[in-house]
Amino acid sequence: KMSGDSMLPDVETDGSEKSEEMEIVVNVGGVRQVFYGDNLNQYPETRLAELINCLSGGYDSIFSLCDDYDPGKREFYFDRDPDAFKCIIDVYYFGEIHMKKGICPICFKNEMEFWKVDLKFLDDCCKTHLSEKKEELEEIARRVQLILDDLGVDASESRWKRCQKCIWKFLEKPESSYPARVVAVLSFLFILVSSVVMCVGTIPDLQVVDAEGNRMEHPTLDSIETACIGWFTMEYVLRLISSPNKLHFALSFMNIVDVLAILPFYVSLTLTHLGAKLMELSNVQQAVQALRIMRIARIFKLARHSSGLQTLTYALKRSFKELGLLLMYLAVGIFVFSALGYTMEQSHPETLFKSIPQSFWWAIITMTTVGYGDIYPKTTLGKLNAAISFLCGVIAIALPIHPIINNFVRYYNKQRVLETAAKHELELMELNSAEGKAAGSKSELEDLSREGKEGPFYSSRLKVSHSDTFIHLLSEEKHYRTRLQSCK
């Protein structure tokens, strides 16, 4: 680099060389591009447009905008991503920017900020990819922060608060310790045992007859059921007491399922012992039987311990549009084929199609390929209509299934990637912290290790990671990647 303004090319101030007619050469990562002032001045606030007027400001002005400069060639050098730059310069020619396939959206956003090009010029299709990437980074940051919160212990908190956190982590996060993993497995086994007992208890050979001649569950199965309910009750109460936000905990869907799995036992127990005094015994037995049916809700407790069921639930939530499309296809087909079936079967004296609403049932079981056979056509045209409705039903069901499966696979893979990325960030944070402390004394390392057990270890002492999945939400500093860094 040359020091001094004397080596700069002269730029006349009398207008003989107007900025619109200037030609500059930009070298980005070894790729040379020639620009003219009339194109760049369309967006004067961008970095390339500022290069035109920086020559008269001396080398300080030039090097505030670029990494290097060759006054002989009037060539500006930038150590940035050339692939992203080729996309960004489209704004000067077409007024919009499209992101090339294979470029990380977050890296591309940082490149646009470096070249001072507003994000509004990014096409809507590319903004979608950027939004998805932002959501992924926010989710990674949230997971990392949760792990940091678990590792850190605030000494200023009361003993009761620390005890609440320990109980919450013990019951809600099986990966936190071996005993927590054992408790999670026990809870899973209790759910399975309770469900099996509910089913086995309905077998007549395993039931007993009471003094009034009514069949009831075997006392052994009843004892097992009571033990399972006791476990569920203790688990729910401990989780409620230790939850950081009790209102959110009570209104959570899975916790409502837990209540529905527990409540029928206590309500039926109350009705059995006290209800006979307030109402007839037969009414009490019917109410108890109805409440016992509600025990099927406990099978949904498995979703708490199964990531596959959670993924399926999320995939169905994201597939409401496809599911609505499926129901619309079926509704149209059911209406059309039931009306045709009713009309075609009226000529037969022993027709089973009494009305169009009654034909809806036939159309449903035919289009969904269930085929109970309780209602069936007897005329030739009716059978032809049934064959067509069957084929249309197969097509109507098959078409929206593929997007639903894609949603499931995409979300499942995404969760695995996010989990791996969160662990990667924590490893790099720990590594950077260790490297930073390597220059310190041995006593500082001992203090750091001791603080991991007694204080907020990761949250206050670990350095910010500068990995390819850098999370801005975990640091207030501004970082820009160079072209030598890629996004994994």
Protein backbone atom coordinates (compact mmCIF):
# COMPACT_ATOMS: atom_id res chain seq x y z
CA LYS A 1 0.00 0.00 0.00
CA MET A 2 1.18 3.52 -0.75
CA SER A 3 1.10 6.29 1.81
CA GLY A 4 0.34 9.79 0.65
CA ASP A 5 -2.24 11.45 -1.49
CA SER A 6 0.32 12.39 -4.16
CA MET A 7 0.15 8.96 -5.76
CA LEU A 8 -3.59 9.09 -6.30
CA PRO A 9 -4.83 9.75 -9.81
CA ASP A 10 -6.02 13.28 -10.30
CA VAL A 11 -9.70 13.79 -10.44
CA GLU A 12 -10.55 17.09 -12.10
CA THR A 13 -13.09 19.22 -10.37
CA ASP A 14 -14.14 21.16 -13.45
CA GLY A 15 -16.46 18.40 -14.62
CA SER A 16 -14.24 17.00 -17.40
CA GLU A 17 -14.38 13.60 -15.74
CA LYS A 18 -17.84 13.26 -14.31
CA SER A 19 -18.62 10.56 -11.80
CA GLU A 20 -21.22 9.12 -14.14
CA GLU A 21 -18.53 8.44 -16.73
CA MET A 22 -15.95 7.00 -14.31
CA GLU A 23 -14.85 3.43 -14.63
CA ILE A 24 -13.66 1.44 -11.61
CA VAL A 25 -12.40 -2.11 -11.30
CA VAL A 26 -13.41 -4.20 -8.30
CA ASN A 27 -11.54 -7.39 -7.44
CA VAL A 28 -13.56 -9.58 -5.05
CA GLY A 29 -11.81 -12.77 -4.03
CA GLY A 30 -9.84 -12.88 -7.30
CA VAL A 31 -12.84 -12.16 -9.53
CA ARG A 32 -12.54 -8.81 -11.40
CA GLN A 33 -15.59 -6.75 -12.30
CA VAL A 34 -15.71 -3.44 -14.17
CA PHE A 35 -18.38 -0.90 -13.18
CA TYR A 36 -19.41 2.47 -14.53
CA GLY A 37 -20.55 5.39 -12.50
CA ASP A 38 -23.94 5.75 -14.16
CA ASN A 39 -24.89 2.25 -12.98
CA LEU A 40 -23.52 2.58 -9.47
CA ASN A 41 -25.02 6.02 -8.82
CA GLN A 42 -28.51 4.54 -9.08
CA TYR A 43 -27.98 3.44 -5.46
CA PRO A 44 -25.65 6.09 -3.97
CA GLU A 45 -25.79 4.66 -0.45
CA THR A 46 -24.15 1.36 -1.44
CA ARG A 47 -20.47 0.64 -0.89
CA LEU A 48 -19.66 0.41 -4.60
CA ALA A 49 -21.23 3.82 -5.26
CA GLU A 50 -19.13 5.31 -2.47
CA LEU A 51 -15.98 4.08 -4.19
CA ILE A 52 -16.50 6.63 -6.98
CA ASN A 53 -16.22 9.59 -4.64
CA CYS A 54 -13.62 8.18 -2.25
CA LEU A 55 -10.59 8.92 -4.51
CA SER A 56 -10.60 12.60 -3.68
CA GLY A 57 -10.63 11.81 0.03
CA GLY A 58 -7.19 10.22 0.18
CA TYR A 59 -6.07 6.79 1.22
CA ASP A 60 -7.86 6.97 4.56
CA SER A 61 -11.14 7.29 2.72
CA ILE A 62 -10.25 4.51 0.28
CA PHE A 63 -9.16 1.96 2.85
CA SER A 64 -12.24 2.61 4.96
CA LEU A 65 -14.21 1.06 2.11
CA CYS A 66 -11.92 -1.68 0.74
CA ASP A 67 -9.12 -4.01 1.84
CA ASP A 68 -6.51 -2.88 -0.71
CA TYR A 69 -6.14 -0.51 -3.65
CA ASP A 70 -3.94 -0.34 -6.77
CA PRO A 71 -3.74 3.31 -7.91
CA GLY A 72 -2.13 2.38 -11.23
CA LYS A 73 -5.01 0.15 -12.30
CA ARG A 74 -7.54 2.01 -10.21
CA GLU A 75 -8.52 -1.40 -8.86
CA PHE A 76 -10.16 -2.01 -5.47
CA TYR A 77 -9.58 -5.30 -3.67
CA PHE A 78 -12.04 -7.00 -1.31
CA ASP A 79 -11.57 -10.22 0.62
CA ARG A 80 -15.22 -11.25 0.36
CA ASP A 81 -17.26 -14.08 -1.12
CA PRO A 82 -17.16 -13.74 -4.93
CA ASP A 83 -20.20 -15.98 -5.49
CA ALA A 84 -22.38 -13.83 -3.27
CA PHE A 85 -20.97 -10.67 -4.88
CA LYS A 86 -22.00 -11.87 -8.36
CA CYS A 87 -25.56 -12.14 -7.10
CA ILE A 88 -25.55 -8.80 -5.26
CA ILE A 89 -24.40 -6.73 -8.25
CA ASP A 90 -27.58 -7.73 -10.08
CA VAL A 91 -29.29 -4.93 -8.19
CA TYR A 92 -27.43 -2.38 -10.35
CA TYR A 93 -28.68 -3.97 -13.55
CA PHE A 94 -32.05 -5.56 -12.75
CA GLY A 95 -33.18 -3.82 -9.56
CA GLU A 96 -33.52 -7.10 -7.63
CA ILE A 97 -31.31 -9.81 -6.19
CA HIS A 98 -31.66 -13.57 -6.37
CA MET A 99 -29.62 -15.79 -4.10
CA LYS A 100 -27.70 -18.52 -5.91
CA LYS A 101 -28.39 -22.07 -4.84
CA GLY A 102 -25.84 -23.40 -2.37
CA ILE A 103 -25.12 -20.09 -0.62
CA CYS A 104 -25.98 -19.87 3.06
CA PRO A 105 -28.81 -17.33 3.52
CA ILE A 106 -27.25 -15.89 6.68
CA CYS A 107 -23.86 -15.47 4.99
CA PHE A 108 -25.60 -13.86 2.02
CA LYS A 109 -27.40 -11.45 4.34
CA ASN A 110 -24.07 -10.49 5.92
CA GLU A 111 -22.61 -9.91 2.46
CA MET A 112 -25.51 -7.64 1.56
CA GLU A 113 -24.95 -5.67 4.75
CA PHE A 114 -21.26 -5.33 3.92
CA TRP A 115 -21.99 -4.00 0.44
CA LYS A 116 -24.67 -1.75 2.02
CA VAL A 117 -27.46 -3.10 -0.16
CA ASP A 118 -30.90 -3.04 1.47
CA LEU A 119 -32.64 -6.36 2.04
CA LYS A 120 -35.75 -5.05 0.30
CA PHE A 121 -34.03 -5.77 -3.03
CA LEU A 122 -33.86 -9.47 -2.19
CA ASP A 123 -36.58 -11.38 -4.02
CA ASP A 124 -39.44 -12.83 -1.98
CA CYS A 125 -38.53 -16.43 -2.82
CA CYS A 126 -35.05 -15.87 -1.36
CA LYS A 127 -36.42 -14.06 1.69
CA THR A 128 -38.27 -17.25 2.54
CA HIS A 129 -34.99 -19.18 2.77
CA LEU A 130 -33.54 -16.39 4.89
CA SER A 131 -36.49 -16.52 7.29
CA GLU A 132 -36.19 -20.28 7.63
CA LYS A 133 -32.48 -19.99 8.41
CA LYS A 134 -33.16 -17.29 11.00
CA GLU A 135 -35.70 -19.55 12.68
CA GLU A 136 -33.16 -22.37 12.77
CA LEU A 137 -30.54 -20.13 14.39
CA GLU A 138 -33.08 -18.86 16.92
CA GLU A 139 -33.97 -22.45 17.78
CA ILE A 140 -30.28 -23.35 18.16
CA ALA A 141 -29.76 -20.29 20.37
CA ARG A 142 -32.76 -21.28 22.47
CA ARG A 143 -31.45 -24.82 22.93
CA VAL A 144 -27.97 -23.60 23.80
CA GLN A 145 -29.40 -21.12 26.29
CA LEU A 146 -31.48 -23.85 27.94
CA ILE A 147 -28.37 -26.01 28.33
CA LEU A 148 -26.41 -23.07 29.72
CA ASP A 149 -29.18 -22.33 32.19
CA ASP A 150 -29.13 -25.95 33.34
CA LEU A 151 -25.37 -25.94 33.81
CA GLY A 152 -25.32 -22.64 35.64
CA VAL A 153 -26.45 -22.16 39.23
CA ASP A 154 -27.15 -18.70 40.52
CA ALA A 155 -25.71 -18.38 44.02
CA SER A 156 -28.06 -15.48 44.81
CA GLU A 157 -31.13 -17.71 44.53
CA SER A 158 -32.69 -19.19 47.62
CA ARG A 159 -32.31 -22.85 48.52
CA TRP A 160 -35.95 -23.51 47.61
CA LYS A 161 -35.46 -22.04 44.12
CA ARG A 162 -32.38 -24.19 43.54
CA CYS A 163 -34.31 -27.22 44.77
CA GLN A 164 -37.15 -26.43 42.35
CA LYS A 165 -34.71 -26.27 39.45
CA CYS A 166 -33.15 -29.58 40.42
CA ILE A 167 -36.54 -31.30 40.62
CA TRP A 168 -37.65 -29.79 37.30
CA LYS A 169 -34.47 -30.88 35.54
CA PHE A 170 -34.72 -34.31 37.16
CA LEU A 171 -38.28 -34.89 35.90
CA GLU A 172 -38.28 -33.00 32.59
CA LYS A 173 -34.80 -33.61 31.20
CA PRO A 174 -33.80 -37.29 31.23
CA GLU A 175 -30.50 -36.51 29.48
CA SER A 176 -29.32 -34.43 32.45
CA SER A 177 -28.27 -37.43 34.59
CA TYR A 178 -28.45 -41.19 34.88
CA PRO A 179 -31.08 -41.18 37.70
CA ALA A 180 -33.27 -38.84 35.61
CA ARG A 181 -33.00 -41.29 32.72
CA VAL A 182 -34.06 -44.14 35.02
CA VAL A 183 -37.09 -42.15 36.21
CA ALA A 184 -38.09 -41.45 32.61
CA VAL A 185 -37.90 -45.17 31.78
CA LEU A 186 -39.99 -46.01 34.87
CA SER A 187 -42.60 -43.46 33.89
CA PHE A 188 -42.74 -44.96 30.42
CA LEU A 189 -43.17 -48.46 31.87
CA PHE A 190 -45.95 -47.29 34.21
CA ILE A 191 -47.84 -45.89 31.22
CA LEU A 192 -47.53 -49.17 29.36
CA VAL A 193 -48.52 -51.25 32.40
CA SER A 194 -51.52 -49.04 33.10
CA SER A 195 -52.70 -49.31 29.48
CA VAL A 196 -52.27 -53.09 29.47
CA VAL A 197 -54.16 -53.43 32.76
CA MET A 198 -57.01 -51.33 31.36
CA CYS A 199 -57.31 -53.69 28.38
CA VAL A 200 -56.82 -56.95 30.28
CA GLY A 201 -59.37 -55.92 32.89
CA THR A 202 -62.15 -56.16 30.29
CA ILE A 203 -61.56 -59.90 29.66
CA PRO A 204 -64.57 -61.75 31.20
CA ASP A 205 -62.46 -64.69 32.40
CA LEU A 206 -60.29 -62.38 34.48
CA GLN A 207 -63.21 -60.49 36.04
CA VAL A 208 -64.87 -61.34 39.35
CA VAL A 209 -68.53 -61.14 40.38
CA ASP A 210 -69.50 -59.02 43.35
CA ALA A 211 -72.25 -59.73 45.86
CA GLU A 212 -74.89 -58.17 43.61
CA GLY A 213 -73.92 -60.27 40.62
CA ASN A 214 -72.17 -57.47 38.71
CA ARG A 215 -68.87 -58.14 37.02
CA MET A 216 -65.91 -56.06 38.14
CA GLU A 217 -62.15 -55.99 37.62
CA HIS A 218 -59.95 -58.47 39.46
CA PRO A 219 -58.62 -57.04 42.76
CA THR A 220 -55.02 -57.64 41.66
CA LEU A 221 -55.50 -55.60 38.50
CA ASP A 222 -57.26 -52.95 40.56
CA SER A 223 -54.25 -52.76 42.89
CA ILE A 224 -51.87 -52.37 39.95
CA GLU A 225 -54.10 -49.62 38.58
CA THR A 226 -54.00 -47.84 41.93
CA ALA A 227 -50.20 -48.04 42.06
CA CYS A 228 -49.92 -46.58 38.55
CA ILE A 229 -52.28 -43.73 39.40
CA GLY A 230 -50.25 -43.04 42.52
CA TRP A 231 -47.10 -42.73 40.41
CA PHE A 232 -48.83 -40.45 37.88
CA THR A 233 -50.20 -38.28 40.68
CA MET A 234 -46.85 -37.91 42.43
CA GLU A 235 -45.14 -37.13 39.12
CA TYR A 236 -47.69 -34.48 38.17
CA VAL A 237 -47.65 -32.79 41.60
CA LEU A 238 -43.84 -32.63 41.69
CA ARG A 239 -43.70 -31.21 38.16
CA LEU A 240 -46.38 -28.64 39.02
CA ILE A 241 -44.56 -27.53 42.18
CA SER A 242 -41.18 -27.26 40.43
CA SER A 243 -42.42 -25.65 37.20
CA PRO A 244 -41.07 -22.11 36.61
CA ASN A 245 -44.40 -20.95 35.11
CA LYS A 246 -47.31 -22.75 36.75
CA LEU A 247 -50.03 -21.15 34.63
CA HIS A 248 -48.31 -22.17 31.39
CA PHE A 249 -47.72 -25.60 32.87
CA ALA A 250 -51.39 -26.09 33.76
CA LEU A 251 -52.62 -24.97 30.33
CA SER A 252 -50.13 -27.07 28.34
CA PHE A 253 -51.78 -29.72 26.18
CA MET A 254 -49.69 -32.63 27.47
CA ASN A 255 -50.31 -31.61 31.08
CA ILE A 256 -54.05 -31.46 30.40
CA VAL A 257 -53.72 -35.02 29.10
CA ASP A 258 -52.01 -35.96 32.36
CA VAL A 259 -54.92 -34.53 34.34
CA LEU A 260 -57.44 -36.40 32.20
CA ALA A 261 -55.51 -39.62 32.83
CA ILE A 262 -55.52 -39.12 36.60
CA LEU A 263 -58.82 -37.40 37.34
CA PRO A 264 -61.24 -40.24 36.39
CA PHE A 265 -59.72 -42.51 39.05
CA TYR A 266 -60.36 -40.05 41.88
CA VAL A 267 -63.79 -39.03 40.59
CA SER A 268 -64.90 -42.67 40.28
CA LEU A 269 -63.48 -43.38 43.74
CA THR A 270 -65.47 -40.48 45.15
CA LEU A 271 -68.66 -41.56 43.41
CA THR A 272 -68.24 -45.13 44.60
CA HIS A 273 -67.95 -44.17 48.27
CA LEU A 274 -70.12 -41.06 48.45
CA GLY A 275 -72.31 -41.07 45.36
CA ALA A 276 -74.53 -43.90 46.53
CA LYS A 277 -75.89 -41.65 49.21
CA LEU A 278 -76.79 -38.88 46.74
CA MET A 279 -78.12 -40.84 43.77
CA GLU A 280 -79.25 -44.30 42.77
CA LEU A 281 -76.66 -47.05 42.70
CA SER A 282 -77.28 -47.79 39.02
CA ASN A 283 -76.57 -44.18 38.09
CA VAL A 284 -73.36 -44.29 40.12
CA GLN A 285 -72.19 -47.42 38.31
CA GLN A 286 -72.95 -45.89 34.91
CA ALA A 287 -71.02 -42.74 35.83
CA VAL A 288 -68.07 -44.79 37.09
CA GLN A 289 -68.06 -46.88 33.92
CA ALA A 290 -68.08 -43.74 31.76
CA LEU A 291 -65.19 -42.27 33.73
CA ARG A 292 -63.19 -45.47 33.45
CA ILE A 293 -63.41 -45.17 29.68
CA MET A 294 -61.55 -41.87 29.96
CA ARG A 295 -58.48 -43.84 31.06
CA ILE A 296 -57.62 -44.23 27.40
CA ALA A 297 -56.27 -40.65 27.57
CA ARG A 298 -53.18 -41.91 29.39
CA ILE A 299 -51.87 -43.54 26.21
CA PHE A 300 -51.19 -40.00 24.95
CA LYS A 301 -48.72 -39.62 27.80
CA LEU A 302 -46.34 -41.66 25.66
CA ALA A 303 -45.84 -38.56 23.51
CA ARG A 304 -43.89 -37.01 26.37
CA HIS A 305 -41.25 -39.72 26.12
CA SER A 306 -41.34 -40.29 22.34
CA SER A 307 -39.71 -37.83 19.98
CA GLY A 308 -41.34 -39.71 17.08
CA LEU A 309 -44.84 -38.97 18.35
CA GLN A 310 -43.91 -35.34 18.94
CA THR A 311 -42.57 -35.12 15.40
CA LEU A 312 -45.77 -36.67 14.06
CA THR A 313 -47.87 -34.14 15.97
CA TYR A 314 -45.84 -31.23 14.61
CA ALA A 315 -45.99 -32.63 11.07
CA LEU A 316 -49.78 -32.83 11.29
CA LYS A 317 -49.90 -29.23 12.54
CA ARG A 318 -47.80 -28.09 9.59
CA SER A 319 -49.95 -30.13 7.21
CA PHE A 320 -53.32 -28.54 7.94
CA LYS A 321 -53.49 -27.27 4.37
CA GLU A 322 -52.85 -30.72 2.90
CA LEU A 323 -55.27 -32.34 5.35
CA GLY A 324 -57.91 -29.77 4.44
CA LEU A 325 -57.29 -30.52 0.78
CA LEU A 326 -57.74 -34.23 1.47
CA LEU A 327 -61.03 -33.65 3.30
CA MET A 328 -62.27 -31.40 0.50
CA TYR A 329 -61.49 -34.06 -2.13
CA LEU A 330 -63.29 -36.69 -0.10
CA ALA A 331 -66.26 -34.43 0.65
CA VAL A 332 -66.78 -33.63 -3.03
CA GLY A 333 -66.42 -37.28 -4.01
CA ILE A 334 -68.76 -38.47 -1.25
CA PHE A 335 -71.46 -36.02 -2.25
CA VAL A 336 -71.20 -36.80 -5.98
CA PHE A 337 -71.00 -40.60 -5.77
CA SER A 338 -73.63 -40.95 -3.05
CA ALA A 339 -76.09 -38.93 -5.14
CA LEU A 340 -75.27 -40.99 -8.25
CA GLY A 341 -75.53 -44.24 -6.31
CA TYR A 342 -78.92 -43.29 -4.87
CA THR A 343 -80.24 -42.33 -8.32
CA MET A 344 -78.96 -45.47 -10.06
CA GLU A 345 -80.22 -47.87 -7.39
CA GLN A 346 -83.79 -46.56 -7.29
CA SER A 347 -84.79 -48.87 -10.15
CA HIS A 348 -83.98 -52.01 -8.12
CA PRO A 349 -86.86 -53.27 -5.91
CA GLU A 350 -84.50 -54.40 -3.12
CA THR A 351 -82.33 -51.30 -3.08
CA LEU A 352 -80.33 -50.55 0.05
CA PHE A 353 -79.95 -46.87 -0.84
CA LYS A 354 -82.93 -45.35 0.96
CA SER A 355 -81.78 -41.71 0.78
CA ILE A 356 -78.81 -39.60 -0.21
CA PRO A 357 -77.74 -38.91 3.40
CA GLN A 358 -77.84 -42.65 4.06
CA SER A 359 -75.74 -43.14 0.91
CA PHE A 360 -73.05 -40.91 2.41
CA TRP A 361 -71.98 -43.84 4.60
CA TRP A 362 -71.62 -46.11 1.57
CA ALA A 363 -69.58 -43.46 -0.27
CA ILE A 364 -67.29 -42.94 2.74
CA ILE A 365 -66.42 -46.61 3.23
CA THR A 366 -66.01 -47.09 -0.54
CA MET A 367 -63.74 -44.10 -1.20
CA THR A 368 -61.61 -44.88 1.85
CA THR A 369 -61.37 -48.54 0.68
CA VAL A 370 -62.84 -49.83 3.96
CA GLY A 371 -65.82 -51.61 2.40
CA TYR A 372 -67.93 -53.04 5.23
CA GLY A 373 -70.48 -54.53 2.84
CA ASP A 374 -73.55 -53.54 4.83
CA ILE A 375 -74.66 -51.31 1.93
CA TYR A 376 -73.78 -52.29 -1.62
CA PRO A 377 -75.12 -51.62 -5.14
CA LYS A 378 -77.18 -54.26 -6.99
CA THR A 379 -77.59 -52.70 -10.43
CA THR A 380 -74.98 -52.67 -13.18
CA LEU A 381 -74.76 -48.87 -13.27
CA GLY A 382 -74.53 -48.82 -9.48
CA LYS A 383 -71.59 -51.24 -9.54
CA LEU A 384 -69.89 -49.17 -12.22
CA ASN A 385 -70.38 -46.06 -10.06
CA ALA A 386 -68.90 -47.94 -7.09
CA ALA A 387 -65.80 -48.91 -9.10
CA ILE A 388 -65.24 -45.32 -10.23
CA SER A 389 -65.74 -44.00 -6.69
CA PHE A 390 -63.21 -46.53 -5.41
CA LEU A 391 -60.56 -45.40 -7.94
CA CYS A 392 -61.24 -41.71 -7.28
CA GLY A 393 -60.98 -42.34 -3.55
CA VAL A 394 -57.55 -43.94 -3.92
CA ILE A 395 -56.32 -40.99 -6.00
CA ALA A 396 -57.85 -38.38 -3.65
CA ILE A 397 -56.17 -39.95 -0.61
CA ALA A 398 -52.81 -40.56 -2.29
CA LEU A 399 -52.28 -37.04 -3.67
CA PRO A 400 -51.94 -35.08 -0.36
CA ILE A 401 -50.07 -37.86 1.46
CA HIS A 402 -46.69 -37.11 -0.10
CA PRO A 403 -46.48 -33.50 1.26
CA ILE A 404 -47.49 -34.73 4.71
CA ILE A 405 -44.73 -37.35 4.66
CA ASN A 406 -42.27 -34.71 3.47
CA ASN A 407 -43.24 -32.45 6.39
CA PHE A 408 -42.62 -35.30 8.81
CA VAL A 409 -39.22 -36.23 7.34
CA ARG A 410 -38.14 -32.58 7.03
CA TYR A 411 -39.02 -31.76 10.63
CA TYR A 412 -37.45 -34.96 11.99
CA ASN A 413 -34.19 -34.33 10.14
CA LYS A 414 -34.27 -30.68 11.12
CA GLN A 415 -34.56 -31.55 14.80
CA ARG A 416 -31.57 -33.85 14.55
CA VAL A 417 -29.53 -31.16 12.78
CA LEU A 418 -30.49 -28.52 15.34
CA GLU A 419 -29.58 -30.82 18.21
CA THR A 420 -26.19 -31.54 16.66
CA ALA A 421 -25.62 -27.83 15.95
CA ALA A 422 -26.43 -26.89 19.55
CA LYS A 423 -23.94 -29.44 20.86
CA HIS A 424 -21.38 -28.18 18.33
CA GLU A 425 -21.80 -24.62 19.57
CA LEU A 426 -21.33 -25.70 23.19
CA GLU A 427 -18.19 -27.65 22.32
CA LEU A 428 -16.71 -24.66 20.50
CA MET A 429 -17.63 -22.33 23.35
CA GLU A 430 -15.90 -24.65 25.80
CA LEU A 431 -12.89 -24.98 23.48
CA ASN A 432 -12.56 -21.21 23.05
CA SER A 433 -12.84 -20.77 26.79
CA ALA A 434 -10.10 -23.33 27.35
CA GLU A 435 -7.85 -21.63 24.78
CA GLY A 436 -8.46 -18.26 26.36
CA LYS A 437 -7.57 -19.60 29.76
CA ALA A 438 -4.47 -21.40 28.46
CA ALA A 439 -2.56 -18.12 28.65
CA GLY A 440 -3.62 -17.63 32.26
CA SER A 441 -2.36 -19.19 35.42
CA LYS A 442 -3.17 -22.65 36.71
CA SER A 443 -5.14 -21.18 39.57
CA GLU A 444 -7.51 -19.50 37.12
CA LEU A 445 -8.18 -22.86 35.48
CA GLU A 446 -8.94 -24.34 38.86
CA ASP A 447 -11.30 -21.45 39.60
CA LEU A 448 -13.03 -22.02 36.25
CA SER A 449 -13.50 -25.71 36.99
CA ARG A 450 -14.73 -24.95 40.48
CA GLU A 451 -17.15 -22.34 39.16
CA GLY A 452 -18.69 -24.96 36.90
CA LYS A 453 -19.95 -26.67 40.03
CA GLU A 454 -20.78 -23.65 42.13
CA GLY A 455 -21.63 -20.84 39.77
CA PRO A 456 -22.82 -19.84 36.31
CA PHE A 457 -20.01 -21.64 34.46
CA TYR A 458 -20.92 -21.50 30.81
CA SER A 459 -23.17 -18.48 30.85
CA SER A 460 -20.53 -16.10 32.25
CA ARG A 461 -17.11 -17.56 31.46
CA LEU A 462 -17.32 -19.34 28.15
CA LYS A 463 -16.32 -17.35 25.11
CA VAL A 464 -18.64 -16.84 22.20
CA SER A 465 -18.25 -19.39 19.44
CA HIS A 466 -17.08 -18.24 16.03
CA SER A 467 -18.14 -21.36 14.18
CA ASP A 468 -19.83 -21.50 10.82
CA THR A 469 -23.17 -21.68 12.64
CA PHE A 470 -22.39 -18.51 14.59
CA ILE A 471 -25.36 -17.42 16.70
CA HIS A 472 -25.74 -13.65 16.92
CA LEU A 473 -28.41 -13.99 19.59
CA LEU A 474 -25.78 -15.17 22.09
CA SER A 475 -23.54 -12.14 21.63
CA GLU A 476 -24.00 -8.41 21.14
CA GLU A 477 -20.89 -8.17 18.97
CA LYS A 478 -21.11 -7.79 15.21
CA HIS A 479 -19.16 -10.32 13.16
CA TYR A 480 -18.75 -10.66 9.41
CA ARG A 481 -17.50 -13.79 7.71
CA THR A 482 -14.86 -13.64 5.02
CA ARG A 483 -14.96 -15.59 1.80
CA LEU A 484 -12.73 -18.23 3.40
CA GLN A 485 -15.55 -19.22 5.75
CA SER A 486 -18.40 -21.38 4.59
CA CYS A 487 -21.67 -22.43 6.14
CA LYS A 488 -22.07 -26.10 6.94
